[in-house]
Amino acid sequence: MPERRHFSRGLRFTLTAVYTVVFTLLLVGVSLLFRQTLATRLDQQAHEDLNENWAVLKAYLRITTENGQPHLSWYNDRDDPEENNDVARVRRIIEIADEQGNTHGLETSPEYEALGMDSPAAIRSQLSGPQPVWRKKWDPKGTPYLIRSSFVYNERGNTKYYVAVGLSLAESQKLLNGFTWLTVGLSPLVFLIGGITGWFVAGRALTPVLEIASTAERISGSNLSLRIPSRGTKDELDYLIETFNQMIERLEGTFNQIRQFSADVSHELRTPITVIRGQLEVALFTAQTAEQYREAIVNSLADIERLSQIVRALLLLSQSESGQVVLQKQRLDLIEVAREMTDQFEIPAEGAGVRLEFRAAVPRCEGDFDRVQIDRMLSNLLSNAIKFTPEGGRVSVTVARVGEEAELCVEDTGRGISAEHLPHIFDRFYRVRGKDEQASPEKGLGLGLSFVAWIVRAHGGSVDVQSEHGKGTKFRVRLPLSSVPAELPPAEARGPEVMNTV
């Protein structure tokens, strides 16, 4: 059992903590932004309201001079409630003074006095400037007020008077404070909800990872068929699942090769070893002359040679399928290669009474091939065709070009292959035997077509076979003329594209 990590070091805890912190910071940031937006909007509204109050003031206020003293009058309709309300709103927070700061004969509201009267210096500065001044003041209770100060002329237009009107920001401040406290009060709840949600989401996200870990624990050499089902979301976790399944598939292929090799060795070596042992035991107990001992030794050596051929073939095929054999490619004309190999089989074909033909459908068919492996492939196909074609039959080799591929066909008029054998002819040690062949001394190793399948696959090509019992067999090999990887790793190797047709 793996060592259990501390809770706070787990990936789920880390993801939850990160999610919660980010979620909380995001909420705080959004809240601050919203609060700032709300404060800005309330401030704009306050400025608009004060501008409206200023317009009311200029519409209804008249300042006249009588006996050298200023006199202030409001000319609103006393019978109009709306005008009365507008004027009352303006006069609630107001200060009107001359350029020395005197308010005698003018007006100052009690609420403005509570905020503090403006100094004569500030009044003179305002009267000398062309633009209104906006500022904030606070009453003794800490309530904020927005003040707009500017000037108006008397009725004759020859004297300036300082005017400041204000607006209470109590409601705006109350709204902002309420929002702030609501945000602060909800923060722990939001933090808790974020943590619970993060824990749940992290758990859901890590479920495939835990499944992978659980599957990995159950995998052994005898149980490599386990696969994790894809979630169908096409995300990173699905990619991880797909990669893990591919890794298990590669391991399964490697273990199957090892098991296959072990089974092949034990199966194929058992008979020759048993025969050799039997011959030597018979010679040991029954031979009486040197000639009898010599005959037993010769027979044993023949069986040992067959045993060596089996071992060499198995090792070569195993190395090939495990990726240890790298193709040594060179530019070759497949027509010349096939013609030379066909010429080499002329004598065996004549000895078997079989007519051997070669045809090329195109003048040249050049590509990148491994000469040794291509020769081995053609040799296996031709030897099988000649071996299983009766006297008077025909074997033909044809090379053509189909698009960007070379097509090589080896066709015979032999006995053919029954439908039940076709799916297995590329398997190791699989030999097709008829009823009259049980005692036939001529036996192959059953590895030739396995080599053909590997060579075609390593070149990135495909092989198919068409056969009907009693009417002959046709092997069609297609090899790409463009360059393909010189080494085909066994884990990624797909089986040869085999199509069996009866």
Foldseek 3Di string as FASTA:
>chain_A
DDDDDDPCPDPLNVQLVVQLVVQLVVLVVVLVVVLVVLLVVLVVVQVVVVVVLVVLCVVFWAWDADPNRIAIGGHDDPVDVVNVVSPCLFQQAKAKFFLQQDQVNHHGHPVNVQQPRDHSVVSNVQAVDDDWDWDWTAGPVGWIKIKIKHWDAHPVRPGIMIMITIDTCNVVVVVSVVSVVVSVVCSVVSSVVSSVVSSVVSCVVCVLVVVLVVVVVVDDLVDLPDADDAPPPPDPSSVVSVVSNLVSLLVNLVSVLVVVLVVLLCVVVVVLVVVLVVLVVCCVVPPDDPVSVVVSVVVNVVSVVVNVVLVVLSVVLSCLLQFVDFADKDKDWVLVLLVVLQVVCPVVLVVQQEAEEEEEPDPTDIAIGRSVLVSLLSVLLVVVQSVQAHHPKYWYWYWYDDVQKIKIKIKIQGQWDDPVCQVPLLPFQDDDDDPVCPPPPDDDRSHSSVSNFSRLQLQVWAWEKETDGNGIIMIMIIGGRYHDGRTDRNSPGDTHHYDYHD
